[in-house]
PDB file of all heavy atoms in Angstrom:
ATOM      1  N   GLU A   1     120.647  98.796 106.326  1.00  0.00           N
ATOM      2  CA  GLU A   1     121.451  98.027 105.237  1.00  0.00           C
ATOM      3  C   GLU A   1     120.555  97.489 104.075  1.00  0.00           C
ATOM      4  O   GLU A   1     121.039  97.175 103.017  1.00  0.00           O
ATOM      5  CB  GLU A   1     122.057  96.837 106.076  1.00  0.00           C
ATOM      6  CG  GLU A   1     121.053  95.777 106.796  1.00  0.00           C
ATOM      7  CD  GLU A   1     120.905  96.161 108.104  1.00  0.00           C
ATOM      8  OE1 GLU A   1     120.979  97.252 108.569  1.00  0.00           O
ATOM      9  OE2 GLU A   1     120.542  95.143 108.881  1.00  0.00           O
ATOM     10  N   HIS A   2     119.245  97.493 104.278  1.00  0.00           N
ATOM     11  CA  HIS A   2     118.352  97.022 103.202  1.00  0.00           C
ATOM     12  C   HIS A   2     118.075  98.057 102.205  1.00  0.00           C
ATOM     13  O   HIS A   2     117.732  97.765 101.062  1.00  0.00           O
ATOM     14  CB  HIS A   2     117.085  96.519 103.835  1.00  0.00           C
ATOM     15  CG  HIS A   2     117.156  95.288 104.629  1.00  0.00           C
ATOM     16  ND1 HIS A   2     116.036  94.700 105.279  1.00  0.00           N
ATOM     17  CD2 HIS A   2     118.221  94.562 104.969  1.00  0.00           C
ATOM     18  CE1 HIS A   2     116.501  93.691 105.952  1.00  0.00           C
ATOM     19  NE2 HIS A   2     117.753  93.544 105.895  1.00  0.00           N
ATOM     20  N   VAL A   3     118.362  99.388 102.564  1.00  0.00           N
ATOM     21  CA  VAL A   3     117.990 100.467 101.616  1.00  0.00           C
ATOM     22  C   VAL A   3     119.396 101.245 101.434  1.00  0.00           C
ATOM     23  O   VAL A   3     119.372 102.433 100.977  1.00  0.00           O
ATOM     24  CB  VAL A   3     116.985 101.388 102.177  1.00  0.00           C
ATOM     25  CG1 VAL A   3     115.605 100.598 102.302  1.00  0.00           C
ATOM     26  CG2 VAL A   3     117.453 101.862 103.602  1.00  0.00           C
ATOM     27  N   ARG A   4     120.476 100.593 101.666  1.00  0.00           N
ATOM     28  CA  ARG A   4     121.835 101.260 101.476  1.00  0.00           C
ATOM     29  C   ARG A   4     121.974 101.887 100.084  1.00  0.00           C
ATOM     30  O   ARG A   4     122.811 102.868  99.947  1.00  0.00           O
ATOM     31  CB  ARG A   4     122.907 100.384 101.843  1.00  0.00           C
ATOM     32  CG  ARG A   4     122.942  99.103 101.057  1.00  0.00           C
ATOM     33  CD  ARG A   4     124.045  98.170 101.377  1.00  0.00           C
ATOM     34  NE  ARG A   4     124.022  96.949 100.669  1.00  0.00           N
ATOM     35  CZ  ARG A   4     124.330  96.791  99.293  1.00  0.00           C
ATOM     36  NH1 ARG A   4     124.874  97.848  98.686  1.00  0.00           N
ATOM     37  NH2 ARG A   4     124.263  95.559  98.715  1.00  0.00           N
ATOM     38  N   LEU A   5     121.458 101.378  98.988  1.00  0.00           N
ATOM     39  CA  LEU A   5     121.693 101.828  97.657  1.00  0.00           C
ATOM     40  C   LEU A   5     121.123 103.124  97.354  1.00  0.00           C
ATOM     41  O   LEU A   5     121.490 103.805  96.421  1.00  0.00           O
ATOM     42  CB  LEU A   5     121.228 100.738  96.715  1.00  0.00           C
ATOM     43  CG  LEU A   5     121.962  99.430  96.598  1.00  0.00           C
ATOM     44  CD1 LEU A   5     121.447  98.451  95.575  1.00  0.00           C
ATOM     45  CD2 LEU A   5     123.495  99.604  96.333  1.00  0.00           C
ATOM     46  N   PHE A   6     120.032 103.469  98.157  1.00  0.00           N
ATOM     47  CA  PHE A   6     119.384 104.804  97.789  1.00  0.00           C
ATOM     48  C   PHE A   6     119.101 105.753  99.030  1.00  0.00           C
ATOM     49  O   PHE A   6     118.616 106.760  98.854  1.00  0.00           O
ATOM     50  CB  PHE A   6     118.028 104.537  97.095  1.00  0.00           C
ATOM     51  CG  PHE A   6     116.996 103.833  97.882  1.00  0.00           C
ATOM     52  CD1 PHE A   6     116.150 104.452  98.756  1.00  0.00           C
ATOM     53  CD2 PHE A   6     116.981 102.418  97.685  1.00  0.00           C
ATOM     54  CE1 PHE A   6     115.189 103.736  99.444  1.00  0.00           C
ATOM     55  CE2 PHE A   6     115.967 101.775  98.470  1.00  0.00           C
ATOM     56  CZ  PHE A   6     115.133 102.376  99.244  1.00  0.00           C
ATOM     57  N   PHE A   7     119.530 105.288 100.191  1.00  0.00           N
ATOM     58  CA  PHE A   7     119.298 106.026 101.358  1.00  0.00           C
ATOM     59  C   PHE A   7     120.565 106.625 101.966  1.00  0.00           C
ATOM     60  O   PHE A   7     121.449 105.870 102.368  1.00  0.00           O
ATOM     61  CB  PHE A   7     118.585 105.186 102.555  1.00  0.00           C
ATOM     62  CG  PHE A   7     118.309 105.879 103.775  1.00  0.00           C
ATOM     63  CD1 PHE A   7     117.587 107.035 103.803  1.00  0.00           C
ATOM     64  CD2 PHE A   7     118.822 105.399 104.951  1.00  0.00           C
ATOM     65  CE1 PHE A   7     117.457 107.751 104.963  1.00  0.00           C
ATOM     66  CE2 PHE A   7     118.704 106.049 106.178  1.00  0.00           C
ATOM     67  CZ  PHE A   7     117.961 107.197 106.202  1.00  0.00           C
ATOM     68  N   ALA A   8     120.599 107.947 102.059  1.00  0.00           N
ATOM     69  CA  ALA A   8     121.809 108.643 102.423  1.00  0.00           C
ATOM     70  C   ALA A   8     121.747 109.194 103.903  1.00  0.00           C
ATOM     71  O   ALA A   8     122.829 109.558 104.332  1.00  0.00           O
ATOM     72  CB  ALA A   8     122.182 109.852 101.511  1.00  0.00           C
ATOM     73  N   GLY A   9     120.621 109.385 104.382  1.00  0.00           N
ATOM     74  CA  GLY A   9     120.391 109.836 105.874  1.00  0.00           C
ATOM     75  C   GLY A   9     120.759 111.365 105.899  1.00  0.00           C
ATOM     76  O   GLY A   9     121.470 111.758 106.907  1.00  0.00           O
ATOM     77  N   CYS A  10     120.323 112.071 104.881  1.00  0.00           N
ATOM     78  CA  CYS A  10     120.776 113.451 104.785  1.00  0.00           C
ATOM     79  C   CYS A  10     119.850 114.541 105.550  1.00  0.00           C
ATOM     80  O   CYS A  10     120.266 115.694 105.625  1.00  0.00           O
ATOM     81  CB  CYS A  10     120.885 113.859 103.366  1.00  0.00           C
ATOM     82  SG  CYS A  10     119.368 113.851 102.365  1.00  0.00           S
ATOM     83  N   TYR A  11     118.716 114.061 106.228  1.00  0.00           N
ATOM     84  CA  TYR A  11     117.919 115.011 106.884  1.00  0.00           C
ATOM     85  C   TYR A  11     118.173 115.027 108.354  1.00  0.00           C
ATOM     86  O   TYR A  11     118.594 113.979 108.988  1.00  0.00           O
ATOM     87  CB  TYR A  11     116.377 114.577 106.674  1.00  0.00           C
ATOM     88  CG  TYR A  11     115.891 114.863 105.250  1.00  0.00           C
ATOM     89  CD1 TYR A  11     115.500 113.869 104.426  1.00  0.00           C
ATOM     90  CD2 TYR A  11     115.728 116.295 104.882  1.00  0.00           C
ATOM     91  CE1 TYR A  11     115.122 114.208 103.162  1.00  0.00           C
ATOM     92  CE2 TYR A  11     115.209 116.547 103.600  1.00  0.00           C
ATOM     93  CZ  TYR A  11     114.943 115.478 102.694  1.00  0.00           C
ATOM     94  OH  TYR A  11     114.466 115.811 101.374  1.00  0.00           O
ATOM     95  N   SER A  12     118.137 116.201 108.942  1.00  0.00           N
ATOM     96  CA  SER A  12     118.458 116.391 110.393  1.00  0.00           C
ATOM     97  C   SER A  12     117.226 115.773 111.139  1.00  0.00           C
ATOM     98  O   SER A  12     116.120 115.587 110.716  1.00  0.00           O
ATOM     99  CB  SER A  12     118.548 117.816 110.632  1.00  0.00           C
ATOM    100  OG  SER A  12     117.331 118.556 110.635  1.00  0.00           O
ATOM    101  N   ARG A  13     117.513 115.645 112.583  1.00  0.00           N
ATOM    102  CA  ARG A  13     116.390 115.058 113.372  1.00  0.00           C
ATOM    103  C   ARG A  13     115.208 116.069 113.364  1.00  0.00           C
ATOM    104  O   ARG A  13     114.073 115.625 113.331  1.00  0.00           O
ATOM    105  CB  ARG A  13     116.977 115.069 114.811  1.00  0.00           C
ATOM    106  CG  ARG A  13     116.053 114.326 115.737  1.00  0.00           C
ATOM    107  CD  ARG A  13     116.687 114.032 117.134  1.00  0.00           C
ATOM    108  NE  ARG A  13     115.670 113.377 117.975  1.00  0.00           N
ATOM    109  CZ  ARG A  13     114.828 114.087 118.756  1.00  0.00           C
ATOM    110  NH1 ARG A  13     114.729 115.392 118.786  1.00  0.00           N
ATOM    111  NH2 ARG A  13     114.062 113.276 119.579  1.00  0.00           N
ATOM    112  N   ARG A  14     115.537 117.357 113.345  1.00  0.00           N
ATOM    113  CA  ARG A  14     114.404 118.193 113.396  1.00  0.00           C
ATOM    114  C   ARG A  14     113.507 118.224 112.132  1.00  0.00           C
ATOM    115  O   ARG A  14     112.283 118.269 112.080  1.00  0.00           O
ATOM    116  CB  ARG A  14     114.833 119.706 113.529  1.00  0.00           C
ATOM    117  CG  ARG A  14     113.693 120.696 113.716  1.00  0.00           C
ATOM    118  CD  ARG A  14     114.186 122.062 114.174  1.00  0.00           C
ATOM    119  NE  ARG A  14     113.071 122.928 114.448  1.00  0.00           N
ATOM    120  CZ  ARG A  14     112.404 122.951 115.581  1.00  0.00           C
ATOM    121  NH1 ARG A  14     112.626 122.128 116.564  1.00  0.00           N
ATOM    122  NH2 ARG A  14     111.359 123.759 115.770  1.00  0.00           N
ATOM    123  N   GLU A  15     114.173 117.948 111.024  1.00  0.00           N
ATOM    124  CA  GLU A  15     113.497 117.882 109.662  1.00  0.00           C
ATOM    125  C   GLU A  15     112.655 116.593 109.506  1.00  0.00           C
ATOM    126  O   GLU A  15     111.540 116.623 109.288  1.00  0.00           O
ATOM    127  CB  GLU A  15     114.505 117.962 108.495  1.00  0.00           C
ATOM    128  CG  GLU A  15     115.156 119.386 108.401  1.00  0.00           C
ATOM    129  CD  GLU A  15     116.316 119.259 107.405  1.00  0.00           C
ATOM    130  OE1 GLU A  15     117.032 118.411 107.225  1.00  0.00           O
ATOM    131  OE2 GLU A  15     116.532 120.354 106.746  1.00  0.00           O
ATOM    132  N   TYR A  16     113.289 115.513 109.829  1.00  0.00           N
ATOM    133  CA  TYR A  16     112.461 114.304 109.712  1.00  0.00           C
ATOM    134  C   TYR A  16     111.451 114.114 110.890  1.00  0.00           C
ATOM    135  O   TYR A  16     110.420 113.602 110.733  1.00  0.00           O
ATOM    136  CB  TYR A  16     113.291 112.930 109.496  1.00  0.00           C
ATOM    137  CG  TYR A  16     114.216 112.546 110.720  1.00  0.00           C
ATOM    138  CD1 TYR A  16     113.629 112.085 111.873  1.00  0.00           C
ATOM    139  CD2 TYR A  16     115.643 112.684 110.636  1.00  0.00           C
ATOM    140  CE1 TYR A  16     114.492 111.580 112.963  1.00  0.00           C
ATOM    141  CE2 TYR A  16     116.392 112.225 111.737  1.00  0.00           C
ATOM    142  CZ  TYR A  16     115.830 111.698 112.826  1.00  0.00           C
ATOM    143  OH  TYR A  16     116.573 111.267 113.844  1.00  0.00           O
ATOM    144  N   GLY A  17     111.820 114.743 111.985  1.00  0.00           N
ATOM    145  CA  GLY A  17     110.868 114.745 113.159  1.00  0.00           C
ATOM    146  C   GLY A  17     109.682 115.626 112.770  1.00  0.00           C
ATOM    147  O   GLY A  17     108.512 115.227 113.098  1.00  0.00           O
ATOM    148  N   GLY A  18     109.869 116.753 112.139  1.00  0.00           N
ATOM    149  CA  GLY A  18     108.762 117.609 111.739  1.00  0.00           C
ATOM    150  C   GLY A  18     107.888 116.982 110.695  1.00  0.00           C
ATOM    151  O   GLY A  18     106.650 117.188 110.794  1.00  0.00           O
ATOM    152  N   PHE A  19     108.525 116.169 109.866  1.00  0.00           N
ATOM    153  CA  PHE A  19     107.750 115.558 108.806  1.00  0.00           C
ATOM    154  C   PHE A  19     106.823 114.443 109.388  1.00  0.00           C
ATOM    155  O   PHE A  19     105.682 114.271 109.111  1.00  0.00           O
ATOM    156  CB  PHE A  19     108.660 114.964 107.788  1.00  0.00           C
ATOM    157  CG  PHE A  19     107.942 114.640 106.442  1.00  0.00           C
ATOM    158  CD1 PHE A  19     107.926 115.677 105.448  1.00  0.00           C
ATOM    159  CD2 PHE A  19     107.500 113.439 106.136  1.00  0.00           C
ATOM    160  CE1 PHE A  19     107.246 115.323 104.266  1.00  0.00           C
ATOM    161  CE2 PHE A  19     106.703 113.182 104.992  1.00  0.00           C
ATOM    162  CZ  PHE A  19     106.750 114.248 104.034  1.00  0.00           C
ATOM    163  N   MET A  20     107.451 113.681 110.361  1.00  0.00           N
ATOM    164  CA  MET A  20     106.552 112.781 111.135  1.00  0.00           C
ATOM    165  C   MET A  20     105.515 113.332 111.896  1.00  0.00           C
ATOM    166  O   MET A  20     104.429 112.786 111.996  1.00  0.00           O
ATOM    167  CB  MET A  20     107.504 111.830 111.947  1.00  0.00           C
ATOM    168  CG  MET A  20     106.669 110.763 112.666  1.00  0.00           C
ATOM    169  SD  MET A  20     105.795 109.593 111.576  1.00  0.00           S
ATOM    170  CE  MET A  20     107.055 108.341 111.413  1.00  0.00           C
ATOM    171  N   ARG A  21     105.804 114.474 112.451  1.00  0.00           N
ATOM    172  CA  ARG A  21     104.654 115.153 113.205  1.00  0.00           C
ATOM    173  C   ARG A  21     103.451 115.482 112.224  1.00  0.00           C
ATOM    174  O   ARG A  21     102.426 115.418 112.565  1.00  0.00           O
ATOM    175  CB  ARG A  21     105.247 116.617 113.708  1.00  0.00           C
ATOM    176  CG  ARG A  21     104.348 117.410 114.387  1.00  0.00           C
ATOM    177  CD  ARG A  21     104.053 116.922 115.843  1.00  0.00           C
ATOM    178  NE  ARG A  21     102.844 116.155 115.855  1.00  0.00           N
ATOM    179  CZ  ARG A  21     102.588 115.134 116.849  1.00  0.00           C
ATOM    180  NH1 ARG A  21     103.536 114.783 117.610  1.00  0.00           N
ATOM    181  NH2 ARG A  21     101.540 114.449 116.760  1.00  0.00           N
ATOM    182  N   GLU A  22     103.883 115.900 111.023  1.00  0.00           N
ATOM    183  CA  GLU A  22     102.829 116.246 109.989  1.00  0.00           C
ATOM    184  C   GLU A  22     102.036 115.073 109.687  1.00  0.00           C
ATOM    185  O   GLU A  22     100.793 115.048 109.560  1.00  0.00           O
ATOM    186  CB  GLU A  22     103.568 116.793 108.617  1.00  0.00           C
ATOM    187  CG  GLU A  22     102.886 116.443 107.393  1.00  0.00           C
ATOM    188  CD  GLU A  22     101.628 117.211 107.014  1.00  0.00           C
ATOM    189  OE1 GLU A  22     101.449 118.258 107.792  1.00  0.00           O
ATOM    190  OE2 GLU A  22     100.853 116.831 106.264  1.00  0.00           O
ATOM    191  N   ILE A  23     102.667 113.821 109.549  1.00  0.00           N
ATOM    192  CA  ILE A  23     101.990 112.615 109.210  1.00  0.00           C
ATOM    193  C   ILE A  23     101.070 112.241 110.445  1.00  0.00           C
ATOM    194  O   ILE A  23      99.892 111.763 110.184  1.00  0.00           O
ATOM    195  CB  ILE A  23     102.929 111.550 108.796  1.00  0.00           C
ATOM    196  CG1 ILE A  23     103.630 111.866 107.549  1.00  0.00           C
ATOM    197  CG2 ILE A  23     102.359 110.161 108.727  1.00  0.00           C
ATOM    198  CD1 ILE A  23     104.723 110.896 107.116  1.00  0.00           C
ATOM    199  N   LEU A  24     101.633 112.266 111.589  1.00  0.00           N
ATOM    200  CA  LEU A  24     100.745 111.936 112.780  1.00  0.00           C
ATOM    201  C   LEU A  24      99.598 112.921 112.854  1.00  0.00           C
ATOM    202  O   LEU A  24      98.457 112.408 113.158  1.00  0.00           O
ATOM    203  CB  LEU A  24     101.606 112.061 114.097  1.00  0.00           C
ATOM    204  CG  LEU A  24     102.792 110.914 114.292  1.00  0.00           C
ATOM    205  CD1 LEU A  24     103.580 111.262 115.457  1.00  0.00           C
ATOM    206  CD2 LEU A  24     101.987 109.488 114.374  1.00  0.00           C
ATOM    207  N   ASP A  25      99.705 114.093 112.681  1.00  0.00           N
ATOM    208  CA  ASP A  25      98.522 115.021 112.762  1.00  0.00           C
ATOM    209  C   ASP A  25      97.542 114.765 111.753  1.00  0.00           C
ATOM    210  O   ASP A  25      96.272 115.027 111.979  1.00  0.00           O
ATOM    211  CB  ASP A  25      98.977 116.476 112.732  1.00  0.00           C
ATOM    212  CG  ASP A  25      99.853 116.913 113.967  1.00  0.00           C
ATOM    213  OD1 ASP A  25      99.793 116.086 114.960  1.00  0.00           O
ATOM    214  OD2 ASP A  25     100.461 117.824 113.958  1.00  0.00           O
ATOM    215  N   ALA A  26      97.963 114.261 110.604  1.00  0.00           N
ATOM    216  CA  ALA A  26      97.039 114.043 109.459  1.00  0.00           C
ATOM    217  C   ALA A  26      96.100 112.865 109.743  1.00  0.00           C
ATOM    218  O   ALA A  26      94.880 112.855 109.369  1.00  0.00           O
ATOM    219  CB  ALA A  26      97.750 113.796 108.172  1.00  0.00           C
ATOM    220  N   GLY A  27      96.605 111.855 110.331  1.00  0.00           N
ATOM    221  CA  GLY A  27      95.815 110.443 110.422  1.00  0.00           C
ATOM    222  C   GLY A  27      95.783 109.997 109.022  1.00  0.00           C
ATOM    223  O   GLY A  27      96.402 110.357 108.085  1.00  0.00           O
ATOM    224  N   GLU A  28      94.900 108.826 108.938  1.00  0.00           N
ATOM    225  CA  GLU A  28      94.849 108.115 107.635  1.00  0.00           C
ATOM    226  C   GLU A  28      94.227 109.096 106.554  1.00  0.00           C
ATOM    227  O   GLU A  28      93.194 109.568 106.618  1.00  0.00           O
ATOM    228  CB  GLU A  28      93.992 106.860 107.709  1.00  0.00           C
ATOM    229  CG  GLU A  28      94.016 106.146 106.454  1.00  0.00           C
ATOM    230  CD  GLU A  28      93.025 104.932 106.492  1.00  0.00           C
ATOM    231  OE1 GLU A  28      92.171 104.901 107.191  1.00  0.00           O
ATOM    232  OE2 GLU A  28      93.414 103.794 105.725  1.00  0.00           O
TER     233      GLU A  28
END
């Protein structure tokens, strides 16, 4: 509800999950 003006939730679970996997594997 805090980001309702610009967040549509248009990515699938596999898409956003894969992106988080990329971030986790990278580290800082």
